[in-house]
Amino acid sequence: MQCTFTNPLPIIMFNKELDPEDYYKSPEGFIVFTERYHLKRGHCCLSGCKHCPYGYDKGTHRVKGN
């Protein structure tokens, strides 16, 4: 099941307000996190995110370099 966020900005995740550079909305209304957000987060969430800077491969369930 996928969730869409229809609330007006600012978006708050884990009690922290997100910067506009941290995400964008897809044409379908989904929140898509940017590479910048993932780098600020500091680790891979292993979800196969579109802009994952850690090189996670959903097919092998591995992060690049591990």
PDB file of N, CA and C in Angstrom:
ATOM      1  N   MET A   1       0.843  -1.177   0.000  1.00  0.00           N
ATOM      2  CA  MET A   1       0.000   0.000   0.000  1.00  0.00           C
ATOM      3  C   MET A   1       0.887   1.238   0.000  1.00  0.00           C
ATOM      4  N   GLN A   2       0.580   2.203  -0.831  1.00  0.00           N
ATOM      5  CA  GLN A   2       1.346   3.436  -0.896  1.00  0.00           C
ATOM      6  C   GLN A   2       0.540   4.564  -0.292  1.00  0.00           C
ATOM      7  N   CYS A   3       1.256   5.485   0.333  1.00  0.00           N
ATOM      8  CA  CYS A   3       0.610   6.639   0.942  1.00  0.00           C
ATOM      9  C   CYS A   3       0.917   7.879   0.132  1.00  0.00           C
ATOM     10  N   THR A   4      -0.038   8.760   0.047  1.00  0.00           N
ATOM     11  CA  THR A   4       0.232  10.067  -0.543  1.00  0.00           C
ATOM     12  C   THR A   4       0.061  11.095   0.560  1.00  0.00           C
ATOM     13  N   PHE A   5       0.855  12.140   0.467  1.00  0.00           N
ATOM     14  CA  PHE A   5       0.769  13.220   1.426  1.00  0.00           C
ATOM     15  C   PHE A   5       0.108  14.395   0.725  1.00  0.00           C
ATOM     16  N   THR A   6      -1.053  14.779   1.208  1.00  0.00           N
ATOM     17  CA  THR A   6      -1.772  15.875   0.568  1.00  0.00           C
ATOM     18  C   THR A   6      -1.790  17.120   1.447  1.00  0.00           C
ATOM     19  N   ASN A   7      -1.136  17.050   2.615  1.00  0.00           N
ATOM     20  CA  ASN A   7      -1.091  18.216   3.487  1.00  0.00           C
ATOM     21  C   ASN A   7      -0.229  19.299   2.863  1.00  0.00           C
ATOM     22  N   PRO A   8      -0.556  20.568   3.117  1.00  0.00           N
ATOM     23  CA  PRO A   8       0.290  21.645   2.601  1.00  0.00           C
ATOM     24  C   PRO A   8       1.648  21.629   3.282  1.00  0.00           C
ATOM     25  N   LEU A   9       2.643  22.220   2.621  1.00  0.00           N
ATOM     26  CA  LEU A   9       3.976  22.324   3.207  1.00  0.00           C
ATOM     27  C   LEU A   9       3.903  23.175   4.463  1.00  0.00           C
ATOM     28  N   PRO A  10       4.751  23.044   5.441  1.00  0.00           N
ATOM     29  CA  PRO A  10       5.925  22.188   5.437  1.00  0.00           C
ATOM     30  C   PRO A  10       5.591  20.744   5.780  1.00  0.00           C
ATOM     31  N   ILE A  11       6.366  19.840   5.252  1.00  0.00           N
ATOM     32  CA  ILE A  11       6.255  18.419   5.565  1.00  0.00           C
ATOM     33  C   ILE A  11       7.113  18.154   6.798  1.00  0.00           C
ATOM     34  N   ILE A  12       6.585  17.416   7.735  1.00  0.00           N
ATOM     35  CA  ILE A  12       7.340  17.105   8.944  1.00  0.00           C
ATOM     36  C   ILE A  12       7.485  15.587   9.039  1.00  0.00           C
ATOM     37  N   MET A  13       8.726  15.132   9.142  1.00  0.00           N
ATOM     38  CA  MET A  13       9.025  13.710   9.281  1.00  0.00           C
ATOM     39  C   MET A  13       9.828  13.526  10.555  1.00  0.00           C
ATOM     40  N   PHE A  14       9.436  12.587  11.380  1.00  0.00           N
ATOM     41  CA  PHE A  14      10.172  12.270  12.601  1.00  0.00           C
ATOM     42  C   PHE A  14      10.399  13.526  13.435  1.00  0.00           C
ATOM     43  N   ASN A  15       9.363  14.363  13.519  1.00  0.00           N
ATOM     44  CA  ASN A  15       9.378  15.604  14.294  1.00  0.00           C
ATOM     45  C   ASN A  15      10.401  16.618  13.809  1.00  0.00           C
ATOM     46  N   LYS A  16      10.842  16.504  12.557  1.00  0.00           N
ATOM     47  CA  LYS A  16      11.763  17.479  11.981  1.00  0.00           C
ATOM     48  C   LYS A  16      11.152  18.000  10.683  1.00  0.00           C
ATOM     49  N   GLU A  17      11.208  19.304  10.519  1.00  0.00           N
ATOM     50  CA  GLU A  17      10.712  19.903   9.282  1.00  0.00           C
ATOM     51  C   GLU A  17      11.714  19.641   8.165  1.00  0.00           C
ATOM     52  N   LEU A  18      11.209  19.259   7.013  1.00  0.00           N
ATOM     53  CA  LEU A  18      12.082  18.987   5.872  1.00  0.00           C
ATOM     54  C   LEU A  18      12.343  20.256   5.086  1.00  0.00           C
ATOM     55  N   ASP A  19      13.566  20.392   4.600  1.00  0.00           N
ATOM     56  CA  ASP A  19      13.907  21.495   3.704  1.00  0.00           C
ATOM     57  C   ASP A  19      13.318  21.216   2.333  1.00  0.00           C
ATOM     58  N   PRO A  20      13.005  22.249   1.576  1.00  0.00           N
ATOM     59  CA  PRO A  20      12.472  22.035   0.220  1.00  0.00           C
ATOM     60  C   PRO A  20      13.420  21.227  -0.674  1.00  0.00           C
ATOM     61  N   GLU A  21      14.722  21.258  -0.410  1.00  0.00           N
ATOM     62  CA  GLU A  21      15.689  20.497  -1.206  1.00  0.00           C
ATOM     63  C   GLU A  21      15.716  19.013  -0.837  1.00  0.00           C
ATOM     64  N   ASP A  22      14.984  18.633   0.211  1.00  0.00           N
ATOM     65  CA  ASP A  22      14.995  17.248   0.689  1.00  0.00           C
ATOM     66  C   ASP A  22      14.031  16.333  -0.068  1.00  0.00           C
ATOM     67  N   TYR A  23      13.084  16.900  -0.779  1.00  0.00           N
ATOM     68  CA  TYR A  23      12.059  16.080  -1.427  1.00  0.00           C
ATOM     69  C   TYR A  23      11.380  16.866  -2.536  1.00  0.00           C
ATOM     70  N   TYR A  24      10.620  16.146  -3.343  1.00  0.00           N
ATOM     71  CA  TYR A  24       9.711  16.774  -4.294  1.00  0.00           C
ATOM     72  C   TYR A  24       8.491  15.877  -4.396  1.00  0.00           C
ATOM     73  N   LYS A  25       7.426  16.399  -4.952  1.00  0.00           N
ATOM     74  CA  LYS A  25       6.210  15.605  -5.145  1.00  0.00           C
ATOM     75  C   LYS A  25       6.186  15.077  -6.564  1.00  0.00           C
ATOM     76  N   SER A  26       5.896  13.797  -6.691  1.00  0.00           N
ATOM     77  CA  SER A  26       5.761  13.191  -8.014  1.00  0.00           C
ATOM     78  C   SER A  26       4.445  13.659  -8.633  1.00  0.00           C
ATOM     79  N   PRO A  27       4.282  13.472  -9.943  1.00  0.00           N
ATOM     80  CA  PRO A  27       3.010  13.849 -10.575  1.00  0.00           C
ATOM     81  C   PRO A  27       1.802  13.145  -9.948  1.00  0.00           C
ATOM     82  N   GLU A  28       2.047  11.979  -9.348  1.00  0.00           N
ATOM     83  CA  GLU A  28       0.960  11.231  -8.693  1.00  0.00           C
ATOM     84  C   GLU A  28       0.697  11.720  -7.271  1.00  0.00           C
ATOM     85  N   GLY A  29       1.532  12.652  -6.773  1.00  0.00           N
ATOM     86  CA  GLY A  29       1.323  13.205  -5.436  1.00  0.00           C
ATOM     87  C   GLY A  29       2.150  12.556  -4.347  1.00  0.00           C
ATOM     88  N   PHE A  30       3.086  11.673  -4.707  1.00  0.00           N
ATOM     89  CA  PHE A  30       3.923  11.012  -3.710  1.00  0.00           C
ATOM     90  C   PHE A  30       5.105  11.902  -3.338  1.00  0.00           C
ATOM     91  N   ILE A  31       5.562  11.799  -2.103  1.00  0.00           N
ATOM     92  CA  ILE A  31       6.775  12.475  -1.660  1.00  0.00           C
ATOM     93  C   ILE A  31       7.952  11.617  -2.119  1.00  0.00           C
ATOM     94  N   VAL A  32       8.909  12.216  -2.833  1.00  0.00           N
ATOM     95  CA  VAL A  32      10.097  11.512  -3.306  1.00  0.00           C
ATOM     96  C   VAL A  32      11.299  12.193  -2.670  1.00  0.00           C
ATOM     97  N   PHE A  33      12.049  11.451  -1.860  1.00  0.00           N
ATOM     98  CA  PHE A  33      13.206  12.022  -1.188  1.00  0.00           C
ATOM     99  C   PHE A  33      14.382  12.132  -2.145  1.00  0.00           C
ATOM    100  N   THR A  34      15.127  13.228  -2.026  1.00  0.00           N
ATOM    101  CA  THR A  34      16.274  13.482  -2.889  1.00  0.00           C
ATOM    102  C   THR A  34      17.530  12.830  -2.311  1.00  0.00           C
ATOM    103  N   GLU A  35      18.572  12.790  -3.137  1.00  0.00           N
ATOM    104  CA  GLU A  35      19.861  12.274  -2.679  1.00  0.00           C
ATOM    105  C   GLU A  35      20.348  13.085  -1.478  1.00  0.00           C
ATOM    106  N   ARG A  36      20.126  14.390  -1.506  1.00  0.00           N
ATOM    107  CA  ARG A  36      20.539  15.255  -0.395  1.00  0.00           C
ATOM    108  C   ARG A  36      19.909  14.791   0.916  1.00  0.00           C
ATOM    109  N   TYR A  37      18.614  14.471   0.892  1.00  0.00           N
ATOM    110  CA  TYR A  37      17.932  14.006   2.102  1.00  0.00           C
ATOM    111  C   TYR A  37      18.569  12.715   2.607  1.00  0.00           C
ATOM    112  N   HIS A  38      18.812  11.777   1.698  1.00  0.00           N
ATOM    113  CA  HIS A  38      19.382  10.494   2.108  1.00  0.00           C
ATOM    114  C   HIS A  38      20.770  10.677   2.714  1.00  0.00           C
ATOM    115  N   LEU A  39      21.576  11.571   2.149  1.00  0.00           N
ATOM    116  CA  LEU A  39      22.903  11.825   2.690  1.00  0.00           C
ATOM    117  C   LEU A  39      22.810  12.475   4.073  1.00  0.00           C
ATOM    118  N   LYS A  40      21.852  13.378   4.256  1.00  0.00           N
ATOM    119  CA  LYS A  40      21.648  13.984   5.579  1.00  0.00           C
ATOM    120  C   LYS A  40      21.211  12.926   6.590  1.00  0.00           C
ATOM    121  N   ARG A  41      20.427  11.961   6.128  1.00  0.00           N
ATOM    122  CA  ARG A  41      19.948  10.895   6.999  1.00  0.00           C
ATOM    123  C   ARG A  41      21.106  10.037   7.493  1.00  0.00           C
ATOM    124  N   GLY A  42      22.083   9.803   6.618  1.00  0.00           N
ATOM    125  CA  GLY A  42      23.315   9.164   7.047  1.00  0.00           C
ATOM    126  C   GLY A  42      23.431   7.667   6.863  1.00  0.00           C
ATOM    127  N   HIS A  43      22.376   7.022   6.397  1.00  0.00           N
ATOM    128  CA  HIS A  43      22.461   5.575   6.165  1.00  0.00           C
ATOM    129  C   HIS A  43      21.376   5.139   5.187  1.00  0.00           C
ATOM    130  N   CYS A  44      21.574   3.967   4.620  1.00  0.00           N
ATOM    131  CA  CYS A  44      20.598   3.414   3.684  1.00  0.00           C
ATOM    132  C   CYS A  44      19.459   2.764   4.463  1.00  0.00           C
ATOM    133  N   CYS A  45      18.237   2.988   4.015  1.00  0.00           N
ATOM    134  CA  CYS A  45      17.061   2.401   4.677  1.00  0.00           C
ATOM    135  C   CYS A  45      16.675   1.054   4.066  1.00  0.00           C
ATOM    136  N   LEU A  46      17.384   0.639   3.003  1.00  0.00           N
ATOM    137  CA  LEU A  46      17.158  -0.654   2.346  1.00  0.00           C
ATOM    138  C   LEU A  46      15.766  -0.777   1.725  1.00  0.00           C
ATOM    139  N   SER A  47      15.227   0.347   1.265  1.00  0.00           N
ATOM    140  CA  SER A  47      13.900   0.335   0.652  1.00  0.00           C
ATOM    141  C   SER A  47      13.941   0.459  -0.867  1.00  0.00           C
ATOM    142  N   GLY A  48      15.122   0.628  -1.432  1.00  0.00           N
ATOM    143  CA  GLY A  48      15.221   0.776  -2.880  1.00  0.00           C
ATOM    144  C   GLY A  48      14.763   2.137  -3.362  1.00  0.00           C
ATOM    145  N   CYS A  49      15.095   3.171  -2.626  1.00  0.00           N
ATOM    146  CA  CYS A  49      14.670   4.529  -2.959  1.00  0.00           C
ATOM    147  C   CYS A  49      15.219   4.971  -4.314  1.00  0.00           C
ATOM    148  N   LYS A  50      14.444   5.774  -4.999  1.00  0.00           N
ATOM    149  CA  LYS A  50      14.792   6.238  -6.340  1.00  0.00           C
ATOM    150  C   LYS A  50      16.122   6.976  -6.382  1.00  0.00           C
ATOM    151  N   HIS A  51      16.423   7.779  -5.372  1.00  0.00           N
ATOM    152  CA  HIS A  51      17.635   8.599  -5.368  1.00  0.00           C
ATOM    153  C   HIS A  51      18.647   8.133  -4.323  1.00  0.00           C
ATOM    154  N   CYS A  52      18.692   6.836  -4.053  1.00  0.00           N
ATOM    155  CA  CYS A  52      19.606   6.296  -3.032  1.00  0.00           C
ATOM    156  C   CYS A  52      21.063   6.524  -3.437  1.00  0.00           C
ATOM    157  N   PRO A  53      21.823   7.271  -2.609  1.00  0.00           N
ATOM    158  CA  PRO A  53      23.236   7.496  -2.916  1.00  0.00           C
ATOM    159  C   PRO A  53      24.132   6.360  -2.434  1.00  0.00           C
ATOM    160  N   TYR A  54      23.555   5.369  -1.762  1.00  0.00           N
ATOM    161  CA  TYR A  54      24.341   4.290  -1.174  1.00  0.00           C
ATOM    162  C   TYR A  54      24.448   3.072  -2.078  1.00  0.00           C
ATOM    163  N   GLY A  55      23.746   3.090  -3.201  1.00  0.00           N
ATOM    164  CA  GLY A  55      23.856   2.007  -4.165  1.00  0.00           C
ATOM    165  C   GLY A  55      23.127   0.732  -3.785  1.00  0.00           C
ATOM    166  N   TYR A  56      22.040   0.855  -3.051  1.00  0.00           N
ATOM    167  CA  TYR A  56      21.275  -0.336  -2.677  1.00  0.00           C
ATOM    168  C   TYR A  56      20.646  -0.969  -3.910  1.00  0.00           C
ATOM    169  N   ASP A  57      20.774  -2.288  -4.018  1.00  0.00           N
ATOM    170  CA  ASP A  57      20.203  -3.054  -5.131  1.00  0.00           C
ATOM    171  C   ASP A  57      19.073  -3.909  -4.578  1.00  0.00           C
ATOM    172  N   LYS A  58      17.847  -3.583  -4.961  1.00  0.00           N
ATOM    173  CA  LYS A  58      16.678  -4.327  -4.466  1.00  0.00           C
ATOM    174  C   LYS A  58      16.707  -5.794  -4.879  1.00  0.00           C
ATOM    175  N   GLY A  59      17.339  -6.080  -6.020  1.00  0.00           N
ATOM    176  CA  GLY A  59      17.403  -7.461  -6.504  1.00  0.00           C
ATOM    177  C   GLY A  59      18.305  -8.351  -5.670  1.00  0.00           C
ATOM    178  N   THR A  60      19.443  -7.805  -5.224  1.00  0.00           N
ATOM    179  CA  THR A  60      20.389  -8.604  -4.438  1.00  0.00           C
ATOM    180  C   THR A  60      20.308  -8.303  -2.953  1.00  0.00           C
ATOM    181  N   HIS A  61      19.575  -7.253  -2.584  1.00  0.00           N
ATOM    182  CA  HIS A  61      19.458  -6.805  -1.182  1.00  0.00           C
ATOM    183  C   HIS A  61      20.818  -6.444  -0.595  1.00  0.00           C
ATOM    184  N   ARG A  62      21.659  -5.814  -1.429  1.00  0.00           N
ATOM    185  CA  ARG A  62      22.986  -5.405  -0.966  1.00  0.00           C
ATOM    186  C   ARG A  62      23.215  -3.930  -1.258  1.00  0.00           C
ATOM    187  N   VAL A  63      24.017  -3.332  -0.410  1.00  0.00           N
ATOM    188  CA  VAL A  63      24.466  -1.959  -0.616  1.00  0.00           C
ATOM    189  C   VAL A  63      25.818  -2.032  -1.289  1.00  0.00           C
ATOM    190  N   LYS A  64      26.026  -1.180  -2.290  1.00  0.00           N
ATOM    191  CA  LYS A  64      27.289  -1.149  -3.030  1.00  0.00           C
ATOM    192  C   LYS A  64      28.467  -1.089  -2.054  1.00  0.00           C
ATOM    193  N   GLY A  65      29.441  -1.953  -2.289  1.00  0.00           N
ATOM    194  CA  GLY A  65      30.626  -1.973  -1.450  1.00  0.00           C
ATOM    195  C   GLY A  65      30.531  -2.897  -0.246  1.00  0.00           C
ATOM    196  N   ASN A  66      29.376  -3.500  -0.028  1.00  0.00           N
ATOM    197  CA  ASN A  66      29.237  -4.431   1.107  1.00  0.00           C
ATOM    198  C   ASN A  66      29.066  -5.853   0.632  1.00  0.00           C
TER     199      ASN A  66
END
